[in-house]
Amino acid sequence: MIVVTGSTGQIGSIALRSLVERGEEVRAVARHPERLPEDLRKRIDVVAGSHVDRDVIDGALDGAEALLWLAPSDPAAASPYEAYVAATIPAADAVVRHAVHRVVTISALGQGVQMYAGHVSASHAMDDLFRSTGADMRVLANATFLDNLLRQRADIARGIISATVPADLRMPWVATRDIGAVAAETLADRSWTGQEVIEVMGPEDLSYNDVAATLSEVLGTPIRFVPGDREADIEAMIGYGFSPAMARSAMAMDLAAERGINNAAVRTPHNATPTTLREFAVQVLQPAMDR
């Protein structure tokens, strides 16, 4: 039995479908089971509830062989370590209690880099918590998500994209659908043991200038990069319901990116994934803009 958390999200939903289609026995944890595709609900076990709830994750891992762990978003958390580490303690306890053999976590690039990076550093600490269980483990250390561009649809419609990193800073980008595919492949492969990191790098390094140029071509309208202001973004996030600590943590990620945390790993044929920015823009972003 493979347990999938975040099963209705961008990554977990892809992993869930891929595992089911491979013939794996799967149990999905979902706060809203009705959001699971109907064709999959008939073929899986479903545990209703939040996977950070001690009783929910304990029940989900009873008899489980493997766990896919995605930390749930919690912008109102008191700190990134509360959001990533404290929320993971019940799962780590359950992994030990139920002798779950294998754990795959969704994490971030920069593993082993001695630099504070807000959410990224907290996700690395989350990985360490699972390492302490002694389970065989693969950490999927992911690049910046192409899917984050979807959050800027309103700005893109006005001809701009914005970020608080330098316009010409090139770094890896990856599509969440590729992360989900790697997660499923890793969980379905029972040949590995030990604890290792798998970088998930996407096919290319891109700057925001590169992104603007490609979006201009795909969307058929000029898109330009406008540098953001970190203090202004912090205030805006607080206005949207982020705690001050989580807003500052988000900006700490951008500062760490500027300092090179996302460029510490080297892309190889083994950690590159297929979806390019252009493909993502044509297949995902443009249809979303048209809706």
Protein backbone atom coordinates (compact mmCIF):
# COMPACT_ATOMS: atom_id res chain seq x y z
CA MET A 1 0.00 0.00 0.00
CA ILE A 2 1.33 3.42 -1.04
CA VAL A 3 -0.12 6.41 0.81
CA VAL A 4 -0.39 9.67 -1.15
CA THR A 5 -0.89 12.96 0.68
CA GLY A 6 -1.83 16.16 -1.13
CA SER A 7 -3.79 13.88 -3.43
CA THR A 8 -5.98 16.60 -4.97
CA GLY A 9 -3.13 19.08 -5.50
CA GLN A 10 -0.93 19.82 -8.49
CA ILE A 11 1.75 17.26 -7.64
CA GLY A 12 -0.12 14.67 -5.61
CA SER A 13 -2.93 14.32 -8.15
CA ILE A 14 -0.44 13.48 -10.92
CA ALA A 15 1.38 10.97 -8.71
CA LEU A 16 -1.91 9.41 -7.61
CA ARG A 17 -3.18 8.81 -11.14
CA SER A 18 0.17 7.50 -12.35
CA LEU A 19 0.43 5.02 -9.47
CA VAL A 20 -3.12 3.76 -10.00
CA GLU A 21 -2.53 3.36 -13.73
CA ARG A 22 0.60 1.34 -12.92
CA GLY A 23 -1.58 -1.06 -10.95
CA GLU A 24 -0.32 -0.03 -7.52
CA GLU A 25 -2.45 -0.35 -4.40
CA VAL A 26 -2.95 3.26 -3.29
CA ARG A 27 -4.52 5.06 -0.35
CA ALA A 28 -5.22 8.77 -0.79
CA VAL A 29 -5.51 11.22 2.09
CA ALA A 30 -7.78 14.13 1.18
CA ARG A 31 -9.52 16.87 3.15
CA HIS A 32 -12.10 17.00 0.37
CA PRO A 33 -12.49 13.47 -1.04
CA GLU A 34 -15.20 14.71 -3.40
CA ARG A 35 -12.47 16.52 -5.34
CA LEU A 36 -10.78 13.24 -6.24
CA PRO A 37 -11.57 12.17 -9.81
CA GLU A 38 -14.55 9.83 -9.81
CA ASP A 39 -12.78 7.25 -11.96
CA LEU A 40 -9.99 6.99 -9.38
CA ARG A 41 -12.18 6.95 -6.27
CA LYS A 42 -13.48 3.53 -7.26
CA ARG A 43 -9.96 2.10 -7.46
CA ILE A 44 -8.30 3.43 -4.29
CA ASP A 45 -8.71 3.60 -0.54
CA VAL A 46 -9.64 7.10 0.63
CA VAL A 47 -8.96 8.56 4.06
CA ALA A 48 -10.88 11.78 4.66
CA GLY A 49 -9.16 14.51 6.64
CA SER A 50 -5.98 16.54 6.91
CA HIS A 51 -2.75 14.59 6.78
CA VAL A 52 -1.27 16.78 9.53
CA ASP A 53 -3.97 15.49 11.91
CA ARG A 54 -2.42 12.84 14.15
CA ASP A 55 -5.35 10.43 14.03
CA VAL A 56 -5.83 10.81 10.28
CA ILE A 57 -2.21 10.11 9.32
CA ASP A 58 -1.95 7.32 11.88
CA GLY A 59 -4.92 5.55 10.33
CA ALA A 60 -3.69 6.20 6.80
CA LEU A 61 -0.29 4.62 7.46
CA ASP A 62 -1.65 1.48 9.12
CA GLY A 63 -0.38 -1.34 6.91
CA ALA A 64 1.36 1.04 4.49
CA GLU A 65 4.58 0.21 2.67
CA ALA A 66 5.39 3.73 1.41
CA LEU A 67 4.43 7.37 1.88
CA LEU A 68 4.45 10.36 -0.46
CA TRP A 69 4.62 13.42 1.79
CA LEU A 70 3.69 16.94 0.70
CA ALA A 71 3.58 19.58 3.42
CA PRO A 72 0.23 21.39 3.20
CA SER A 73 0.20 25.12 2.59
CA ASP A 74 -0.30 27.12 5.80
CA PRO A 75 0.30 30.82 5.10
CA ALA A 76 -1.04 31.81 8.53
CA ALA A 77 1.44 29.61 10.44
CA ALA A 78 3.46 31.22 13.21
CA SER A 79 6.69 30.35 11.38
CA PRO A 80 7.88 28.28 8.42
CA TYR A 81 9.19 25.67 10.86
CA GLU A 82 5.72 25.32 12.35
CA ALA A 83 4.29 24.93 8.84
CA TYR A 84 6.81 22.33 7.69
CA VAL A 85 8.35 20.65 10.74
CA ALA A 86 5.77 20.81 13.53
CA ALA A 87 3.06 19.78 11.06
CA THR A 88 5.15 16.76 10.05
CA ILE A 89 5.82 15.37 13.53
CA PRO A 90 2.63 13.23 13.60
CA ALA A 91 3.57 11.69 10.25
CA ALA A 92 7.13 10.94 11.36
CA ASP A 93 5.76 9.34 14.54
CA ALA A 94 3.38 7.23 12.45
CA VAL A 95 6.15 6.16 10.05
CA VAL A 96 8.04 4.73 13.03
CA ARG A 97 4.99 3.23 14.73
CA HIS A 98 3.78 1.46 11.58
CA ALA A 99 7.27 0.58 10.28
CA VAL A 100 6.67 2.28 6.93
CA HIS A 101 9.59 1.15 4.77
CA ARG A 102 9.90 4.00 2.26
CA VAL A 103 9.22 7.74 2.32
CA VAL A 104 9.35 10.19 -0.59
CA THR A 105 9.17 13.89 0.28
CA ILE A 106 8.46 16.89 -1.94
CA SER A 107 11.15 19.40 -1.05
CA ALA A 108 13.42 22.04 -2.59
CA LEU A 109 16.81 22.55 -4.17
CA GLY A 110 19.67 23.78 -2.01
CA GLN A 111 20.09 20.61 0.04
CA GLY A 112 23.23 20.99 2.16
CA VAL A 113 23.72 24.68 1.34
CA GLN A 114 24.39 26.63 4.54
CA MET A 115 22.07 29.55 3.87
CA TYR A 116 18.75 30.60 5.40
CA ALA A 117 16.05 30.45 2.74
CA GLY A 118 12.73 30.68 4.58
CA HIS A 119 10.28 28.03 3.38
CA VAL A 120 13.14 26.20 1.65
CA SER A 121 15.16 25.85 4.87
CA ALA A 122 12.05 24.67 6.71
CA SER A 123 11.38 22.04 4.03
CA HIS A 124 14.96 20.79 4.44
CA ALA A 125 14.37 20.51 8.20
CA MET A 126 11.20 18.54 7.41
CA ASP A 127 13.30 16.14 5.35
CA ASP A 128 15.69 15.72 8.28
CA LEU A 129 12.77 14.81 10.53
CA PHE A 130 11.83 11.96 8.20
CA ARG A 131 15.49 10.91 7.91
CA SER A 132 15.53 10.48 11.69
CA THR A 133 12.87 7.75 11.40
CA GLY A 134 15.38 5.45 9.71
CA ALA A 135 13.04 4.73 6.81
CA ASP A 136 14.49 4.38 3.32
CA MET A 137 13.95 7.78 1.77
CA ARG A 138 14.18 9.83 -1.38
CA VAL A 139 13.97 13.61 -1.14
CA LEU A 140 12.70 15.19 -4.36
CA ALA A 141 14.55 18.51 -4.36
CA ASN A 142 12.62 20.64 -6.80
CA ALA A 143 13.41 23.74 -8.80
CA THR A 144 11.15 26.81 -8.98
CA PHE A 145 7.67 25.83 -10.17
CA LEU A 146 6.60 26.98 -13.63
CA ASP A 147 3.08 26.72 -12.24
CA ASN A 148 3.75 29.72 -9.97
CA LEU A 149 3.30 31.84 -13.10
CA LEU A 150 -0.41 31.04 -12.89
CA ARG A 151 -0.60 33.28 -9.83
CA GLN A 152 0.37 36.21 -12.04
CA ARG A 153 -2.40 35.76 -14.62
CA ALA A 154 -3.93 39.16 -13.86
CA ASP A 155 -0.57 40.92 -14.22
CA ILE A 156 0.29 38.95 -17.36
CA ALA A 157 -3.01 40.08 -18.85
CA ARG A 158 -1.77 43.65 -18.26
CA GLY A 159 1.55 42.86 -19.95
CA ILE A 160 3.85 42.38 -16.96
CA ILE A 161 5.43 39.74 -14.76
CA SER A 162 7.11 40.59 -11.48
CA ALA A 163 9.46 39.10 -8.91
CA THR A 164 11.93 40.30 -6.31
CA VAL A 165 14.96 38.67 -7.93
CA PRO A 166 17.21 40.23 -10.59
CA ALA A 167 15.72 40.19 -14.09
CA ASP A 168 18.74 38.39 -15.56
CA LEU A 169 19.21 35.76 -12.83
CA ARG A 170 18.99 32.35 -14.51
CA MET A 171 17.87 29.40 -12.40
CA PRO A 172 16.15 26.03 -12.92
CA TRP A 173 12.37 25.86 -13.42
CA VAL A 174 10.20 22.73 -13.37
CA ALA A 175 6.57 21.87 -14.10
CA THR A 176 4.65 20.34 -11.19
CA ARG A 177 3.29 17.65 -13.51
CA ASP A 178 6.87 16.45 -14.03
CA ILE A 179 7.44 16.38 -10.26
CA GLY A 180 4.34 14.23 -9.84
CA ALA A 181 5.61 11.87 -12.53
CA VAL A 182 9.01 11.54 -10.84
CA ALA A 183 7.32 10.93 -7.49
CA ALA A 184 5.21 8.10 -8.92
CA GLU A 185 8.17 6.53 -10.69
CA THR A 186 10.23 6.67 -7.49
CA LEU A 187 7.47 5.14 -5.36
CA ALA A 188 6.80 2.37 -7.88
CA ASP A 189 10.51 1.43 -7.97
CA ARG A 190 11.15 -0.93 -5.06
CA SER A 191 14.81 -1.51 -5.86
CA TRP A 192 16.22 1.45 -3.92
CA THR A 193 17.27 1.60 -0.30
CA GLY A 194 19.01 4.13 1.93
CA GLN A 195 18.44 7.86 2.06
CA GLU A 196 19.30 10.06 -0.93
CA VAL A 197 18.34 13.29 -2.67
CA ILE A 198 16.96 13.37 -6.22
CA GLU A 199 17.13 16.81 -7.79
CA VAL A 200 14.23 17.60 -10.14
CA MET A 201 15.67 20.33 -12.34
CA GLY A 202 13.45 20.86 -15.36
CA PRO A 203 15.01 21.08 -18.85
CA GLU A 204 16.50 24.60 -18.75
CA ASP A 205 17.67 27.54 -16.67
CA LEU A 206 15.62 30.69 -17.20
CA SER A 207 15.72 34.29 -16.07
CA TYR A 208 12.60 36.40 -15.69
CA ASN A 209 13.70 38.23 -18.83
CA ASP A 210 13.71 34.86 -20.61
CA VAL A 211 10.27 34.09 -19.21
CA ALA A 212 8.89 37.45 -20.38
CA ALA A 213 10.28 36.92 -23.88
CA THR A 214 8.81 33.43 -24.23
CA LEU A 215 5.42 34.47 -22.88
CA SER A 216 5.39 37.40 -25.31
CA GLU A 217 5.85 34.99 -28.21
CA VAL A 218 3.32 32.42 -27.01
CA LEU A 219 0.61 34.87 -25.95
CA GLY A 220 1.17 37.16 -28.91
CA THR A 221 1.41 40.31 -26.80
CA PRO A 222 4.38 42.12 -25.23
CA ILE A 223 5.19 40.99 -21.68
CA ARG A 224 7.85 42.84 -19.71
CA PHE A 225 9.50 42.16 -16.37
CA VAL A 226 8.88 44.65 -13.56
CA PRO A 227 11.09 44.26 -10.47
CA GLY A 228 9.16 43.84 -7.23
CA ASP A 229 9.85 45.38 -3.84
CA ARG A 230 10.32 42.89 -1.00
CA GLU A 231 8.97 45.11 1.77
CA ALA A 232 5.93 46.00 -0.31
CA ASP A 233 5.37 42.32 -1.12
CA ILE A 234 5.57 41.43 2.58
CA GLU A 235 2.88 43.97 3.39
CA ALA A 236 0.74 42.73 0.49
CA MET A 237 1.01 39.11 1.65
CA ILE A 238 0.03 40.07 5.19
CA GLY A 239 -3.00 41.78 3.68
CA TYR A 240 -3.88 38.49 1.94
CA GLY A 241 -3.78 36.61 5.26
CA PHE A 242 -0.15 35.55 5.60
CA SER A 243 1.35 35.76 9.06
CA PRO A 244 4.23 38.28 9.21
CA ALA A 245 6.68 35.41 9.74
CA MET A 246 5.45 33.49 6.70
CA ALA A 247 5.50 36.62 4.54
CA ARG A 248 9.10 37.32 5.55
CA SER A 249 9.93 33.65 4.95
CA ALA A 250 8.64 33.88 1.38
CA MET A 251 10.89 36.86 0.72
CA ALA A 252 13.81 35.00 2.31
CA MET A 253 13.40 32.43 -0.48
CA ASP A 254 13.87 35.13 -3.09
CA LEU A 255 16.92 36.53 -1.34
CA ALA A 256 18.44 33.05 -1.18
CA ALA A 257 17.67 32.55 -4.88
CA GLU A 258 19.50 35.79 -5.63
CA ARG A 259 22.46 34.41 -3.66
CA GLY A 260 22.47 31.23 -5.73
CA ILE A 261 20.82 28.54 -3.63
CA ASN A 262 18.91 27.20 -6.65
CA ASN A 263 22.08 26.98 -8.73
CA ALA A 264 24.09 24.73 -6.42
CA ALA A 265 22.99 21.50 -8.15
CA VAL A 266 24.09 20.51 -11.66
CA ARG A 267 21.56 19.42 -14.27
CA THR A 268 22.23 15.95 -15.71
CA PRO A 269 20.28 13.63 -18.03
CA HIS A 270 19.07 11.85 -14.88
CA ASN A 271 17.60 14.87 -13.07
CA ALA A 272 16.34 16.90 -16.05
CA THR A 273 12.60 16.74 -16.69
CA PRO A 274 10.87 17.31 -20.03
CA THR A 275 8.37 20.17 -19.84
CA THR A 276 9.79 23.43 -21.22
CA LEU A 277 8.50 26.90 -20.44
CA ARG A 278 7.12 27.16 -23.97
CA GLU A 279 5.22 23.88 -23.62
CA PHE A 280 3.88 24.95 -20.24
CA ALA A 281 2.80 28.32 -21.61
CA VAL A 282 0.98 26.73 -24.57
CA GLN A 283 -0.58 23.80 -22.72
CA VAL A 284 -1.34 25.29 -19.28
CA LEU A 285 -0.89 29.05 -18.97
CA GLN A 286 -2.54 30.18 -22.21
CA PRO A 287 -5.70 28.09 -21.64
CA ALA A 288 -5.88 29.45 -18.08
CA MET A 289 -5.60 33.00 -19.44
CA ASP A 290 -8.45 32.32 -21.85
CA ARG A 291 -10.85 31.10 -19.16
